[in-house]
């Protein structure tokens, strides 16, 4: 069987290696795929366990969202709708996908995500603060249970010393909390966008799973 993981820490890798010393591992960017004959006991950060090597992150995120009955909305800048497009590839996502916005211009961020003009003026469109307000705003405005947002510089132009090409802020928000990650990706424009979408879908998968568990446990 194949055990799929994403963006593992060195501590996670050591924990898995200790629990599955016989497993072989293949690394592909931030993805890790372990081949093993058993599933280790305990809490491990595998987002999918499959009988074949294919396990797209959008399927993992889509399944958690649909199974838990969670509504999701997206607000994308640098990824330009890629996150929503990948979610749509999951059969049955219509039960969960509420709204999907490409908020490329600052005016769109203000209109659809309620990003404050003062935030954009003080910190810029590509910032932790703007990403947070995008995710929280589109979630509130749409009435979704969870939302994800991206803002960054995909390149090849537009980078500065303070904000280089490949810098992307990704935010995921529920009513209880908002998580924002600062990511610095390498590669061309398409690669930056794909990597940002990967991270966003993984954050969505993890936070949707936590929200589903919270609701189940009351």
Foldseek 3Di string as FASTA:
>chain_A
DKFKAFQDDPVLVVVVCVQCVPWDWDDDPRMIIIDDDDDGPDDHRTLDDDPDPDDALLQSLLVLCVVLQFAEEEEEALLQCPLVVSVVVHPPSVSHYQYYYHQHDPVSLCVQQVQDPVCCVPANCADQSSQQSNFVRNCVVRVTQKYKYKDAALDPDDADPVHGHQWMWMWMDGPVDIDIDTTRDDDHSVVSSVVVSSVRSSVSSVVSNVVSVVVVVD
